[in-house]
Amino acid sequence: MTIRYYRLLREYTEALVSGKDTTRILNQLRQIAEETRRSDLIEQTEKLGSDKKADLSEVTKKMRS
């Protein structure tokens, strides 16, 4: 599940950059984060969706760690 989360996170970044709708991906990220019950993933996912630039920054930080 964690690997799937990170793959979706990469897909989310690509969608943000290309200007595509990210709603479906964001909903899947939330679902997977809840299923894994990992607090770091849940907190990360809650931060996403408000601002495109902030989201790109948060995703970059998460992918580096």
Protein backbone atom coordinates (compact mmCIF):
# COMPACT_ATOMS: atom_id res chain seq x y z
CA MET A 1 0.00 0.00 0.00
CA THR A 2 2.83 2.39 0.78
CA ILE A 3 4.41 1.84 -2.62
CA ARG A 4 1.06 2.51 -4.27
CA TYR A 5 0.77 5.72 -2.25
CA TYR A 6 4.12 6.98 -3.50
CA ARG A 7 3.27 6.06 -7.09
CA LEU A 8 0.04 8.03 -6.80
CA LEU A 9 1.96 10.89 -5.22
CA ARG A 10 4.19 11.00 -8.29
CA GLU A 11 1.10 10.88 -10.53
CA TYR A 12 -0.42 13.72 -8.48
CA THR A 13 2.69 15.84 -9.07
CA GLU A 14 2.58 15.18 -12.79
CA ALA A 15 -1.11 16.13 -12.89
CA LEU A 16 -0.42 19.37 -11.01
CA VAL A 17 2.39 20.33 -13.37
CA SER A 18 0.34 19.57 -16.48
CA GLY A 19 -2.74 21.36 -15.14
CA LYS A 20 -4.98 18.29 -15.09
CA ASP A 21 -7.75 17.66 -12.58
CA THR A 22 -6.27 16.13 -9.44
CA THR A 23 -9.47 15.31 -7.55
CA ARG A 24 -9.49 11.59 -8.34
CA ILE A 25 -5.83 11.15 -7.45
CA LEU A 26 -6.18 13.14 -4.23
CA ASN A 27 -9.15 11.01 -3.15
CA GLN A 28 -7.15 7.84 -3.82
CA LEU A 29 -4.22 9.20 -1.82
CA ARG A 30 -6.52 9.91 1.12
CA GLN A 31 -8.03 6.44 0.95
CA ILE A 32 -4.65 4.70 0.86
CA ALA A 33 -3.28 6.87 3.67
CA GLU A 34 -6.23 5.87 5.85
CA GLU A 35 -5.85 2.19 4.96
CA THR A 36 -2.16 2.18 5.88
CA ARG A 37 -2.93 3.90 9.19
CA ARG A 38 0.44 5.63 8.98
CA SER A 39 0.13 8.99 10.66
CA ASP A 40 2.84 10.57 8.52
CA LEU A 41 1.00 9.70 5.30
CA ILE A 42 -2.34 10.84 6.72
CA GLU A 43 -0.88 14.19 7.82
CA GLN A 44 0.88 14.65 4.47
CA THR A 45 -2.29 13.94 2.52
CA GLU A 46 -4.37 16.33 4.64
CA LYS A 47 -2.03 19.15 3.64
CA LEU A 48 -2.61 18.56 -0.07
CA GLY A 49 -5.30 20.12 -2.22
CA SER A 50 -5.31 23.72 -1.11
CA ASP A 51 -2.62 25.40 -3.21
CA LYS A 52 -0.79 24.11 -6.29
CA LYS A 53 2.61 25.59 -5.38
CA ALA A 54 2.38 24.48 -1.78
CA ASP A 55 1.35 20.99 -2.91
CA LEU A 56 4.32 20.70 -5.24
CA SER A 57 6.61 21.77 -2.41
CA GLU A 58 5.09 19.28 0.05
CA VAL A 59 5.24 16.42 -2.43
CA THR A 60 8.87 17.20 -3.24
CA LYS A 61 9.76 17.14 0.47
CA LYS A 62 7.95 13.84 0.98
CA MET A 63 9.54 12.17 -2.03
CA ARG A 64 13.02 13.20 -0.85
CA SER A 65 12.58 11.73 2.61
